[in-house]
Amino acid sequence: MGTGSSEHTSLSDLGLMALVQRGDEGALAELYDRHAATAFGLAMRVLRDRRDAEDAVQEAFTTLWRSAAEFDPARSSPSTWLLVLTHRRAVDLVRREVRRPTAPLEPAVAAAIPDQSAGPAHSVWLSMLRDQIRQALERLPEGMRELLELAYFGGYTQSELAARLDMPLGTVKTRMARAVALLREDMTTNRDWVRHE
C-alpha cells in the first residue's frame, strides 16, 4: 500500500475516514502509514508469525476499505476500528490453523480446564470451551467487548487503552471489571455442557 499524499497528511483520522468513505485511495494510504505498525504489533501478539501478521493487517485494511460505509464515528475512532478488524482477522487465522490456544480471558476460566492428557477428548473439550468464551464475548455490549479484546488479545494496559480510546482511566477500569463480571456470570450460567469425569 502506497504512501498518502501531502494533501492528506494534515487531516485528522476522522477526516481521512470520511474521504475513504468516498473512495479516496490516498486517504486510505495515509491511514495505513499512520496505523499499520500498531496493527502489525497487535497481529504479532496474537499470531506470533510475521507473514501471518502481515496478512492479517493487509486484510484488515482491505475490510476497512470495502466496509468504510459501516464506520460510525460515534462508536469508535478509525484507529480503534482498524485494530478491532485486525484482531478479528488474526483470531480467525488462529482458529483456522489451530496452531495455538487463544489467550485465556481470566484465571477462573483457565482453572475450569480439566487436568487431562492432550488426547482427542481433551481437544474437543477445549474447542467447546473456546466456542463458549467466544459466544459469551459476543453477548457483551460492544464497548465492553472491544476493551477486553484489546486488553487480553492485544496486550494493551488499562492506561494505554484510556489514552488510545480517549477515555478516563477510571471508566476503562470500571467497564473492564463489569465486562469480566458479566463474562464470569455468563460462563457460569451457560456451562451445562461441561462434564468433569
N, C-alpha and C. Protein backbone atom coordinates (compact mmCIF):
# COMPACT_ATOMS: atom_id res chain seq x y z
N MET A 1 0.85 -1.18 0.00
CA MET A 1 0.00 0.00 0.00
C MET A 1 0.89 1.23 0.00
N GLY A 2 0.57 2.18 -0.86
CA GLY A 2 1.45 3.33 -1.05
C GLY A 2 1.35 4.35 0.07
N THR A 3 2.19 5.35 -0.03
CA THR A 3 2.22 6.42 0.95
C THR A 3 1.17 7.46 0.60
N GLY A 4 0.50 7.99 1.63
CA GLY A 4 -0.51 9.02 1.41
C GLY A 4 0.14 10.29 0.87
N SER A 5 -0.62 11.08 0.11
CA SER A 5 -0.08 12.31 -0.47
C SER A 5 -0.04 13.42 0.57
N SER A 6 0.71 14.48 0.26
CA SER A 6 0.89 15.57 1.21
C SER A 6 -0.43 16.24 1.57
N GLU A 7 -1.40 16.23 0.66
CA GLU A 7 -2.68 16.86 0.95
C GLU A 7 -3.46 16.12 2.05
N HIS A 8 -3.08 14.86 2.31
CA HIS A 8 -3.77 14.08 3.32
C HIS A 8 -3.09 14.14 4.69
N THR A 9 -1.81 14.49 4.73
CA THR A 9 -1.06 14.38 5.97
C THR A 9 -1.56 15.32 7.06
N SER A 10 -2.19 16.43 6.69
CA SER A 10 -2.65 17.38 7.69
C SER A 10 -4.05 17.05 8.22
N LEU A 11 -4.70 16.08 7.63
CA LEU A 11 -6.06 15.73 8.03
C LEU A 11 -6.06 14.83 9.27
N SER A 12 -7.12 14.92 10.06
CA SER A 12 -7.31 14.02 11.19
C SER A 12 -7.70 12.64 10.67
N ASP A 13 -7.65 11.65 11.56
CA ASP A 13 -8.09 10.30 11.17
C ASP A 13 -9.55 10.32 10.73
N LEU A 14 -10.37 11.09 11.42
CA LEU A 14 -11.79 11.16 11.05
C LEU A 14 -11.97 11.78 9.67
N GLY A 15 -11.18 12.81 9.39
CA GLY A 15 -11.21 13.43 8.07
C GLY A 15 -10.80 12.45 6.99
N LEU A 16 -9.74 11.69 7.28
CA LEU A 16 -9.29 10.69 6.32
C LEU A 16 -10.35 9.61 6.10
N MET A 17 -11.00 9.20 7.19
CA MET A 17 -12.01 8.16 7.07
C MET A 17 -13.19 8.65 6.24
N ALA A 18 -13.54 9.92 6.37
CA ALA A 18 -14.62 10.48 5.56
C ALA A 18 -14.25 10.41 4.07
N LEU A 19 -12.97 10.66 3.77
CA LEU A 19 -12.52 10.57 2.38
C LEU A 19 -12.50 9.12 1.91
N VAL A 20 -12.08 8.21 2.78
CA VAL A 20 -12.09 6.79 2.42
C VAL A 20 -13.51 6.35 2.09
N GLN A 21 -14.48 6.85 2.84
CA GLN A 21 -15.88 6.50 2.58
C GLN A 21 -16.33 6.99 1.19
N ARG A 22 -15.61 7.97 0.65
CA ARG A 22 -15.93 8.47 -0.70
C ARG A 22 -15.01 7.86 -1.76
N GLY A 23 -14.21 6.85 -1.35
CA GLY A 23 -13.38 6.15 -2.32
C GLY A 23 -12.02 6.75 -2.58
N ASP A 24 -11.51 7.54 -1.64
CA ASP A 24 -10.20 8.20 -1.80
C ASP A 24 -9.09 7.25 -1.35
N GLU A 25 -8.37 6.70 -2.32
CA GLU A 25 -7.30 5.74 -2.02
C GLU A 25 -6.12 6.41 -1.31
N GLY A 26 -5.88 7.68 -1.60
CA GLY A 26 -4.80 8.39 -0.92
C GLY A 26 -5.06 8.52 0.57
N ALA A 27 -6.32 8.71 0.95
CA ALA A 27 -6.68 8.78 2.36
C ALA A 27 -6.44 7.43 3.04
N LEU A 28 -6.78 6.35 2.34
CA LEU A 28 -6.51 5.01 2.88
C LEU A 28 -5.02 4.80 3.07
N ALA A 29 -4.23 5.24 2.10
CA ALA A 29 -2.77 5.10 2.19
C ALA A 29 -2.22 5.86 3.39
N GLU A 30 -2.78 7.04 3.65
CA GLU A 30 -2.33 7.83 4.80
C GLU A 30 -2.70 7.13 6.11
N LEU A 31 -3.89 6.57 6.19
CA LEU A 31 -4.26 5.80 7.38
C LEU A 31 -3.32 4.61 7.56
N TYR A 32 -2.96 4.00 6.46
CA TYR A 32 -2.02 2.87 6.52
C TYR A 32 -0.67 3.34 7.09
N ASP A 33 -0.17 4.45 6.57
CA ASP A 33 1.11 4.98 7.05
C ASP A 33 1.07 5.27 8.55
N ARG A 34 -0.06 5.76 9.02
CA ARG A 34 -0.18 6.13 10.43
C ARG A 34 -0.35 4.94 11.36
N HIS A 35 -1.08 3.91 10.91
CA HIS A 35 -1.53 2.89 11.86
C HIS A 35 -1.10 1.45 11.54
N ALA A 36 -0.43 1.23 10.42
CA ALA A 36 -0.07 -0.15 10.06
C ALA A 36 0.89 -0.77 11.07
N ALA A 37 1.83 0.02 11.59
CA ALA A 37 2.80 -0.54 12.54
C ALA A 37 2.11 -1.01 13.82
N THR A 38 1.16 -0.21 14.32
CA THR A 38 0.44 -0.59 15.54
C THR A 38 -0.41 -1.83 15.28
N ALA A 39 -1.08 -1.85 14.12
CA ALA A 39 -1.90 -3.01 13.77
C ALA A 39 -1.03 -4.26 13.63
N PHE A 40 0.15 -4.10 13.05
CA PHE A 40 1.07 -5.23 12.91
C PHE A 40 1.51 -5.75 14.28
N GLY A 41 1.79 -4.83 15.21
CA GLY A 41 2.17 -5.25 16.57
C GLY A 41 1.08 -6.05 17.23
N LEU A 42 -0.17 -5.61 17.06
CA LEU A 42 -1.29 -6.35 17.62
C LEU A 42 -1.41 -7.73 16.98
N ALA A 43 -1.31 -7.80 15.66
CA ALA A 43 -1.40 -9.08 14.96
C ALA A 43 -0.28 -10.02 15.37
N MET A 44 0.91 -9.48 15.58
CA MET A 44 2.05 -10.32 16.01
C MET A 44 1.81 -10.90 17.40
N ARG A 45 1.20 -10.11 18.29
CA ARG A 45 0.92 -10.63 19.64
C ARG A 45 -0.02 -11.82 19.59
N VAL A 46 -0.96 -11.78 18.66
CA VAL A 46 -1.93 -12.87 18.54
C VAL A 46 -1.36 -14.05 17.77
N LEU A 47 -0.68 -13.77 16.66
CA LEU A 47 -0.27 -14.83 15.73
C LEU A 47 1.15 -15.33 15.93
N ARG A 48 2.04 -14.46 16.38
CA ARG A 48 3.45 -14.81 16.59
C ARG A 48 4.12 -15.34 15.32
N ASP A 49 3.67 -14.83 14.19
CA ASP A 49 4.25 -15.21 12.91
C ASP A 49 4.19 -13.99 11.99
N ARG A 50 5.35 -13.55 11.50
CA ARG A 50 5.41 -12.29 10.75
C ARG A 50 4.54 -12.33 9.48
N ARG A 51 4.63 -13.39 8.72
CA ARG A 51 3.87 -13.45 7.47
C ARG A 51 2.37 -13.44 7.73
N ASP A 52 1.93 -14.21 8.72
CA ASP A 52 0.50 -14.22 9.06
C ASP A 52 0.06 -12.86 9.58
N ALA A 53 0.91 -12.22 10.37
CA ALA A 53 0.57 -10.90 10.90
C ALA A 53 0.44 -9.88 9.77
N GLU A 54 1.35 -9.94 8.82
CA GLU A 54 1.26 -9.04 7.66
C GLU A 54 -0.03 -9.29 6.88
N ASP A 55 -0.39 -10.56 6.71
CA ASP A 55 -1.64 -10.90 6.01
C ASP A 55 -2.85 -10.35 6.77
N ALA A 56 -2.84 -10.49 8.10
CA ALA A 56 -3.96 -10.01 8.91
C ALA A 56 -4.12 -8.50 8.77
N VAL A 57 -3.00 -7.77 8.78
CA VAL A 57 -3.06 -6.31 8.65
C VAL A 57 -3.57 -5.93 7.26
N GLN A 58 -3.04 -6.59 6.24
CA GLN A 58 -3.47 -6.30 4.87
C GLN A 58 -4.97 -6.54 4.72
N GLU A 59 -5.45 -7.64 5.26
CA GLU A 59 -6.87 -7.96 5.15
C GLU A 59 -7.72 -7.01 5.98
N ALA A 60 -7.18 -6.54 7.12
CA ALA A 60 -7.92 -5.56 7.92
C ALA A 60 -8.10 -4.26 7.15
N PHE A 61 -7.04 -3.80 6.49
CA PHE A 61 -7.16 -2.58 5.69
C PHE A 61 -8.09 -2.78 4.49
N THR A 62 -8.05 -3.97 3.90
CA THR A 62 -8.96 -4.26 2.80
C THR A 62 -10.41 -4.22 3.28
N THR A 63 -10.66 -4.79 4.47
CA THR A 63 -12.00 -4.75 5.04
C THR A 63 -12.42 -3.32 5.35
N LEU A 64 -11.48 -2.54 5.91
CA LEU A 64 -11.78 -1.14 6.20
C LEU A 64 -12.18 -0.41 4.92
N TRP A 65 -11.49 -0.66 3.84
CA TRP A 65 -11.78 -0.02 2.55
C TRP A 65 -13.16 -0.44 2.03
N ARG A 66 -13.41 -1.75 2.05
CA ARG A 66 -14.66 -2.26 1.49
C ARG A 66 -15.87 -1.94 2.36
N SER A 67 -15.65 -1.83 3.68
CA SER A 67 -16.75 -1.62 4.62
C SER A 67 -16.76 -0.21 5.18
N ALA A 68 -16.11 0.72 4.52
CA ALA A 68 -15.97 2.09 5.04
C ALA A 68 -17.32 2.72 5.36
N ALA A 69 -18.33 2.40 4.58
CA ALA A 69 -19.66 2.99 4.80
C ALA A 69 -20.24 2.59 6.15
N GLU A 70 -19.77 1.46 6.71
CA GLU A 70 -20.28 0.98 8.00
C GLU A 70 -19.64 1.69 9.18
N PHE A 71 -18.58 2.45 8.95
CA PHE A 71 -17.89 3.11 10.06
C PHE A 71 -18.78 4.17 10.68
N ASP A 72 -18.87 4.14 12.02
CA ASP A 72 -19.68 5.10 12.77
C ASP A 72 -18.77 5.83 13.75
N PRO A 73 -18.47 7.11 13.50
CA PRO A 73 -17.57 7.85 14.39
C PRO A 73 -18.10 8.01 15.80
N ALA A 74 -19.41 7.81 16.00
CA ALA A 74 -19.97 7.91 17.35
C ALA A 74 -19.63 6.68 18.19
N ARG A 75 -19.23 5.60 17.54
CA ARG A 75 -18.96 4.36 18.27
C ARG A 75 -17.48 4.11 18.50
N SER A 76 -16.62 4.56 17.61
CA SER A 76 -15.18 4.35 17.79
C SER A 76 -14.41 5.27 16.86
N SER A 77 -13.12 5.35 17.11
CA SER A 77 -12.25 6.12 16.22
C SER A 77 -11.81 5.21 15.06
N PRO A 78 -11.32 5.79 13.96
CA PRO A 78 -10.83 4.94 12.86
C PRO A 78 -9.72 3.99 13.30
N SER A 79 -8.82 4.47 14.17
CA SER A 79 -7.71 3.60 14.59
C SER A 79 -8.21 2.44 15.44
N THR A 80 -9.19 2.69 16.31
CA THR A 80 -9.74 1.61 17.13
C THR A 80 -10.47 0.60 16.25
N TRP A 81 -11.24 1.10 15.29
CA TRP A 81 -11.96 0.20 14.39
C TRP A 81 -10.97 -0.67 13.62
N LEU A 82 -9.90 -0.06 13.16
CA LEU A 82 -8.87 -0.81 12.44
C LEU A 82 -8.27 -1.90 13.32
N LEU A 83 -7.98 -1.57 14.58
CA LEU A 83 -7.41 -2.56 15.49
C LEU A 83 -8.38 -3.70 15.76
N VAL A 84 -9.66 -3.38 15.87
CA VAL A 84 -10.66 -4.43 16.06
C VAL A 84 -10.70 -5.33 14.82
N LEU A 85 -10.67 -4.73 13.63
CA LEU A 85 -10.66 -5.53 12.39
C LEU A 85 -9.42 -6.41 12.32
N THR A 86 -8.27 -5.85 12.71
CA THR A 86 -7.02 -6.61 12.69
C THR A 86 -7.09 -7.76 13.67
N HIS A 87 -7.58 -7.48 14.87
CA HIS A 87 -7.67 -8.52 15.90
C HIS A 87 -8.59 -9.65 15.46
N ARG A 88 -9.74 -9.28 14.90
CA ARG A 88 -10.69 -10.31 14.45
C ARG A 88 -10.07 -11.20 13.38
N ARG A 89 -9.36 -10.58 12.45
CA ARG A 89 -8.75 -11.37 11.38
C ARG A 89 -7.64 -12.27 11.94
N ALA A 90 -6.87 -11.74 12.88
CA ALA A 90 -5.79 -12.53 13.47
C ALA A 90 -6.37 -13.72 14.24
N VAL A 91 -7.42 -13.50 15.00
CA VAL A 91 -8.05 -14.59 15.75
C VAL A 91 -8.65 -15.62 14.80
N ASP A 92 -9.24 -15.14 13.70
CA ASP A 92 -9.76 -16.08 12.69
C ASP A 92 -8.65 -16.98 12.16
N LEU A 93 -7.46 -16.40 11.93
CA LEU A 93 -6.33 -17.19 11.44
C LEU A 93 -5.89 -18.22 12.47
N VAL A 94 -5.88 -17.83 13.74
CA VAL A 94 -5.50 -18.77 14.80
C VAL A 94 -6.49 -19.92 14.84
N ARG A 95 -7.77 -19.58 14.80
CA ARG A 95 -8.80 -20.64 14.86
C ARG A 95 -8.69 -21.57 13.66
N ARG A 96 -8.47 -20.99 12.49
CA ARG A 96 -8.42 -21.81 11.27
C ARG A 96 -7.25 -22.77 11.29
N GLU A 97 -6.12 -22.28 11.73
CA GLU A 97 -4.92 -23.12 11.67
C GLU A 97 -4.70 -23.92 12.95
N VAL A 98 -5.43 -23.59 14.00
CA VAL A 98 -5.33 -24.29 15.28
C VAL A 98 -3.87 -24.52 15.65
N ARG A 99 -3.09 -23.43 15.56
CA ARG A 99 -1.67 -23.56 15.87
C ARG A 99 -1.38 -23.42 17.35
N ARG A 100 -2.21 -22.65 18.05
CA ARG A 100 -2.01 -22.47 19.48
C ARG A 100 -3.33 -22.03 20.09
N PRO A 101 -3.54 -22.30 21.38
CA PRO A 101 -4.79 -21.89 22.00
C PRO A 101 -4.88 -20.38 22.12
N THR A 102 -6.11 -19.86 22.13
CA THR A 102 -6.34 -18.44 22.33
C THR A 102 -5.98 -18.08 23.76
N ALA A 103 -5.48 -16.88 23.97
CA ALA A 103 -5.11 -16.43 25.32
C ALA A 103 -6.31 -16.51 26.25
N PRO A 104 -6.11 -17.00 27.49
CA PRO A 104 -7.23 -17.09 28.42
C PRO A 104 -7.72 -15.71 28.82
N LEU A 105 -9.02 -15.59 29.06
CA LEU A 105 -9.58 -14.31 29.43
C LEU A 105 -9.45 -14.02 30.91
N GLU A 106 -9.46 -15.04 31.74
CA GLU A 106 -9.28 -14.81 33.16
C GLU A 106 -8.94 -16.13 33.84
N PRO A 107 -8.31 -16.05 35.01
CA PRO A 107 -7.88 -17.29 35.69
C PRO A 107 -9.03 -18.25 35.99
N ALA A 108 -10.22 -17.73 36.30
CA ALA A 108 -11.34 -18.61 36.63
C ALA A 108 -11.69 -19.52 35.47
N VAL A 109 -11.59 -19.00 34.25
CA VAL A 109 -11.88 -19.82 33.08
C VAL A 109 -10.77 -20.84 32.87
N ALA A 110 -9.52 -20.40 33.00
CA ALA A 110 -8.39 -21.31 32.83
C ALA A 110 -8.43 -22.43 33.87
N ALA A 111 -8.83 -22.11 35.10
CA ALA A 111 -8.87 -23.11 36.16
C ALA A 111 -9.93 -24.17 35.92
N ALA A 112 -10.92 -23.84 35.09
CA ALA A 112 -12.00 -24.79 34.82
C ALA A 112 -11.59 -25.90 33.86
N ILE A 113 -10.43 -25.76 33.22
CA ILE A 113 -9.98 -26.77 32.26
C ILE A 113 -9.53 -28.01 33.03
N PRO A 114 -10.10 -29.17 32.74
CA PRO A 114 -9.74 -30.38 33.48
C PRO A 114 -8.30 -30.80 33.22
N ASP A 115 -7.70 -31.42 34.22
CA ASP A 115 -6.32 -31.86 34.13
C ASP A 115 -6.29 -33.25 33.49
N GLN A 116 -6.18 -33.25 32.16
CA GLN A 116 -6.14 -34.49 31.40
C GLN A 116 -4.99 -34.44 30.42
N SER A 117 -4.62 -35.60 29.92
CA SER A 117 -3.60 -35.61 28.88
C SER A 117 -4.21 -35.05 27.61
N ALA A 118 -3.37 -34.57 26.72
CA ALA A 118 -3.86 -33.92 25.49
C ALA A 118 -4.31 -34.96 24.48
N GLY A 119 -5.41 -35.61 24.76
CA GLY A 119 -5.98 -36.58 23.85
C GLY A 119 -7.13 -35.98 23.07
N PRO A 120 -7.78 -36.79 22.21
CA PRO A 120 -8.89 -36.28 21.41
C PRO A 120 -10.03 -35.71 22.24
N ALA A 121 -10.39 -36.37 23.34
CA ALA A 121 -11.49 -35.87 24.17
C ALA A 121 -11.16 -34.50 24.76
N HIS A 122 -9.92 -34.35 25.18
CA HIS A 122 -9.50 -33.06 25.74
C HIS A 122 -9.53 -31.97 24.67
N SER A 123 -9.11 -32.31 23.46
CA SER A 123 -9.13 -31.34 22.36
C SER A 123 -10.55 -30.89 22.06
N VAL A 124 -11.48 -31.83 22.07
CA VAL A 124 -12.89 -31.49 21.84
C VAL A 124 -13.39 -30.59 22.95
N TRP A 125 -13.03 -30.93 24.19
CA TRP A 125 -13.45 -30.12 25.35
C TRP A 125 -12.92 -28.69 25.22
N LEU A 126 -11.65 -28.55 24.86
CA LEU A 126 -11.08 -27.20 24.71
C LEU A 126 -11.76 -26.44 23.59
N SER A 127 -12.08 -27.13 22.51
CA SER A 127 -12.77 -26.48 21.40
C SER A 127 -14.13 -25.97 21.85
N MET A 128 -14.83 -26.77 22.64
CA MET A 128 -16.13 -26.35 23.15
C MET A 128 -15.99 -25.16 24.09
N LEU A 129 -14.94 -25.18 24.91
CA LEU A 129 -14.71 -24.06 25.84
C LEU A 129 -14.41 -22.78 25.07
N ARG A 130 -13.59 -22.88 24.03
CA ARG A 130 -13.29 -21.70 23.21
C ARG A 130 -14.56 -21.14 22.57
N ASP A 131 -15.42 -22.04 22.07
CA ASP A 131 -16.68 -21.60 21.49
C ASP A 131 -17.54 -20.90 22.53
N GLN A 132 -17.54 -21.46 23.74
CA GLN A 132 -18.34 -20.87 24.82
C GLN A 132 -17.82 -19.47 25.17
N ILE A 133 -16.51 -19.31 25.22
CA ILE A 133 -15.93 -17.99 25.51
C ILE A 133 -16.25 -17.02 24.39
N ARG A 134 -16.11 -17.47 23.15
CA ARG A 134 -16.42 -16.60 22.01
C ARG A 134 -17.87 -16.14 22.05
N GLN A 135 -18.78 -17.08 22.32
CA GLN A 135 -20.20 -16.73 22.38
C GLN A 135 -20.47 -15.76 23.53
N ALA A 136 -19.83 -15.99 24.67
CA ALA A 136 -20.01 -15.08 25.81
C ALA A 136 -19.49 -13.69 25.47
N LEU A 137 -18.36 -13.62 24.77
CA LEU A 137 -17.83 -12.32 24.35
C LEU A 137 -18.80 -11.61 23.41
N GLU A 138 -19.38 -12.37 22.49
CA GLU A 138 -20.30 -11.77 21.52
C GLU A 138 -21.56 -11.23 22.18
N ARG A 139 -21.91 -11.78 23.36
CA ARG A 139 -23.10 -11.30 24.06
C ARG A 139 -22.83 -10.04 24.88
N LEU A 140 -21.56 -9.68 25.05
CA LEU A 140 -21.24 -8.45 25.78
C LEU A 140 -21.60 -7.23 24.94
N PRO A 141 -21.92 -6.10 25.60
CA PRO A 141 -22.07 -4.85 24.84
C PRO A 141 -20.77 -4.56 24.09
N GLU A 142 -20.89 -3.98 22.90
CA GLU A 142 -19.73 -3.82 22.02
C GLU A 142 -18.57 -3.08 22.68
N GLY A 143 -18.87 -2.02 23.42
CA GLY A 143 -17.80 -1.25 24.06
C GLY A 143 -17.01 -2.09 25.06
N MET A 144 -17.71 -2.91 25.84
CA MET A 144 -17.03 -3.78 26.80
C MET A 144 -16.22 -4.85 26.09
N ARG A 145 -16.83 -5.44 25.04
CA ARG A 145 -16.13 -6.48 24.28
C ARG A 145 -14.85 -5.92 23.67
N GLU A 146 -14.93 -4.72 23.12
CA GLU A 146 -13.75 -4.10 22.50
C GLU A 146 -12.63 -3.92 23.51
N LEU A 147 -12.98 -3.44 24.72
CA LEU A 147 -11.96 -3.25 25.76
C LEU A 147 -11.28 -4.57 26.11
N LEU A 148 -12.08 -5.62 26.31
CA LEU A 148 -11.49 -6.91 26.67
C LEU A 148 -10.63 -7.48 25.55
N GLU A 149 -11.10 -7.36 24.32
CA GLU A 149 -10.31 -7.89 23.20
C GLU A 149 -8.98 -7.17 23.08
N LEU A 150 -9.01 -5.85 23.18
CA LEU A 150 -7.76 -5.09 23.06
C LEU A 150 -6.83 -5.36 24.24
N ALA A 151 -7.40 -5.56 25.43
CA ALA A 151 -6.57 -5.80 26.61
C ALA A 151 -6.00 -7.22 26.61
N TYR A 152 -6.87 -8.22 26.45
CA TYR A 152 -6.42 -9.60 26.60
C TYR A 152 -5.78 -10.18 25.35
N PHE A 153 -6.28 -9.79 24.18
CA PHE A 153 -5.69 -10.30 22.94
C PHE A 153 -4.64 -9.34 22.39
N GLY A 154 -4.88 -8.05 22.57
CA GLY A 154 -3.96 -7.05 22.04
C GLY A 154 -2.81 -6.73 22.97
N GLY A 155 -2.95 -7.05 24.25
CA GLY A 155 -1.87 -6.82 25.20
C GLY A 155 -1.77 -5.38 25.70
N TYR A 156 -2.82 -4.58 25.50
CA TYR A 156 -2.77 -3.19 25.95
C TYR A 156 -3.09 -3.10 27.44
N THR A 157 -2.37 -2.23 28.15
CA THR A 157 -2.66 -1.98 29.55
C THR A 157 -3.89 -1.07 29.64
N GLN A 158 -4.45 -0.97 30.83
CA GLN A 158 -5.61 -0.10 31.01
C GLN A 158 -5.25 1.36 30.72
N SER A 159 -4.06 1.77 31.11
CA SER A 159 -3.62 3.14 30.83
C SER A 159 -3.49 3.38 29.34
N GLU A 160 -2.94 2.40 28.62
CA GLU A 160 -2.80 2.53 27.16
C GLU A 160 -4.17 2.59 26.50
N LEU A 161 -5.10 1.79 27.00
CA LEU A 161 -6.45 1.82 26.44
C LEU A 161 -7.12 3.17 26.68
N ALA A 162 -6.94 3.71 27.88
CA ALA A 162 -7.54 5.01 28.19
C ALA A 162 -7.03 6.08 27.23
N ALA A 163 -5.72 6.06 26.97
CA ALA A 163 -5.13 7.05 26.06
C ALA A 163 -5.59 6.80 24.63
N ARG A 164 -5.58 5.54 24.21
CA ARG A 164 -5.92 5.21 22.82
C ARG A 164 -7.39 5.50 22.53
N LEU A 165 -8.27 5.24 23.50
CA LEU A 165 -9.70 5.41 23.29
C LEU A 165 -10.20 6.77 23.77
N ASP A 166 -9.27 7.61 24.25
CA ASP A 166 -9.63 8.93 24.75
C ASP A 166 -10.74 8.83 25.80
N MET A 167 -10.44 8.01 26.83
CA MET A 167 -11.43 7.69 27.85
C MET A 167 -10.75 7.79 29.22
N PRO A 168 -11.43 8.30 30.25
CA PRO A 168 -10.80 8.35 31.58
C PRO A 168 -10.39 6.95 32.04
N LEU A 169 -9.26 6.87 32.72
CA LEU A 169 -8.75 5.59 33.19
C LEU A 169 -9.77 4.90 34.10
N GLY A 170 -10.42 5.68 34.95
CA GLY A 170 -11.43 5.11 35.85
C GLY A 170 -12.56 4.44 35.09
N THR A 171 -12.95 5.05 33.98
CA THR A 171 -14.02 4.48 33.16
C THR A 171 -13.57 3.16 32.54
N VAL A 172 -12.32 3.12 32.05
CA VAL A 172 -11.78 1.88 31.48
C VAL A 172 -11.79 0.78 32.54
N LYS A 173 -11.30 1.09 33.75
CA LYS A 173 -11.24 0.09 34.83
C LYS A 173 -12.64 -0.41 35.19
N THR A 174 -13.58 0.52 35.31
CA THR A 174 -14.95 0.14 35.68
C THR A 174 -15.59 -0.74 34.61
N ARG A 175 -15.44 -0.34 33.34
CA ARG A 175 -16.05 -1.12 32.25
C ARG A 175 -15.42 -2.50 32.13
N MET A 176 -14.11 -2.56 32.31
CA MET A 176 -13.45 -3.87 32.21
C MET A 176 -13.86 -4.78 33.35
N ALA A 177 -13.94 -4.22 34.56
CA ALA A 177 -14.37 -5.02 35.71
C ALA A 177 -15.79 -5.55 35.50
N ARG A 178 -16.66 -4.68 35.00
CA ARG A 178 -18.04 -5.09 34.74
C ARG A 178 -18.09 -6.14 33.63
N ALA A 179 -17.28 -5.97 32.59
CA ALA A 179 -17.25 -6.92 31.48
C ALA A 179 -16.80 -8.30 31.96
N VAL A 180 -15.76 -8.33 32.80
CA VAL A 180 -15.26 -9.61 33.33
C VAL A 180 -16.33 -10.26 34.21
N ALA A 181 -17.03 -9.44 35.02
CA ALA A 181 -18.10 -9.97 35.86
C ALA A 181 -19.22 -10.56 35.01
N LEU A 182 -19.58 -9.86 33.94
CA LEU A 182 -20.62 -10.38 33.05
C LEU A 182 -20.18 -11.66 32.36
N LEU A 183 -18.91 -11.71 31.95
CA LEU A 183 -18.39 -12.93 31.33
C LEU A 183 -18.43 -14.09 32.32
N ARG A 184 -18.00 -13.84 33.55
CA ARG A 184 -17.99 -14.89 34.57
C ARG A 184 -19.41 -15.40 34.79
N GLU A 185 -20.36 -14.47 34.90
CA GLU A 185 -21.76 -14.85 35.11
C GLU A 185 -22.28 -15.65 33.92
N ASP A 186 -21.97 -15.20 32.72
CA ASP A 186 -22.40 -15.89 31.50
C ASP A 186 -21.82 -17.29 31.43
N MET A 187 -20.52 -17.40 31.72
CA MET A 187 -19.86 -18.70 31.65
C MET A 187 -20.41 -19.65 32.70
N THR A 188 -20.78 -19.13 33.86
CA THR A 188 -21.35 -19.97 34.92
C THR A 188 -22.75 -20.42 34.55
N THR A 189 -23.54 -19.51 34.02
CA THR A 189 -24.93 -19.80 33.66
C THR A 189 -25.03 -20.77 32.50
N ASN A 190 -24.10 -20.66 31.55
CA ASN A 190 -24.20 -21.45 30.31
C ASN A 190 -23.16 -22.55 30.24
N ARG A 191 -22.91 -23.23 31.35
CA ARG A 191 -21.90 -24.31 31.36
C ARG A 191 -22.52 -25.67 31.58
N ASP A 192 -23.76 -25.87 31.16
CA ASP A 192 -24.41 -27.15 31.36
C ASP A 192 -23.70 -28.28 30.61
N TRP A 193 -22.98 -27.91 29.54
CA TRP A 193 -22.33 -28.94 28.71
C TRP A 193 -21.04 -29.43 29.35
N VAL A 194 -20.55 -28.74 30.39
CA VAL A 194 -19.27 -29.15 30.99
C VAL A 194 -19.48 -30.40 31.85
N ARG A 195 -18.64 -31.38 31.64
CA ARG A 195 -18.70 -32.61 32.44
C ARG A 195 -17.31 -32.90 32.99
N HIS A 196 -17.23 -33.00 34.30
CA HIS A 196 -15.95 -33.37 34.93
C HIS A 196 -16.04 -34.83 35.33
N GLU A 197 -15.32 -35.64 34.65
CA GLU A 197 -15.40 -37.09 34.91
C GLU A 197 -14.39 -37.47 35.97
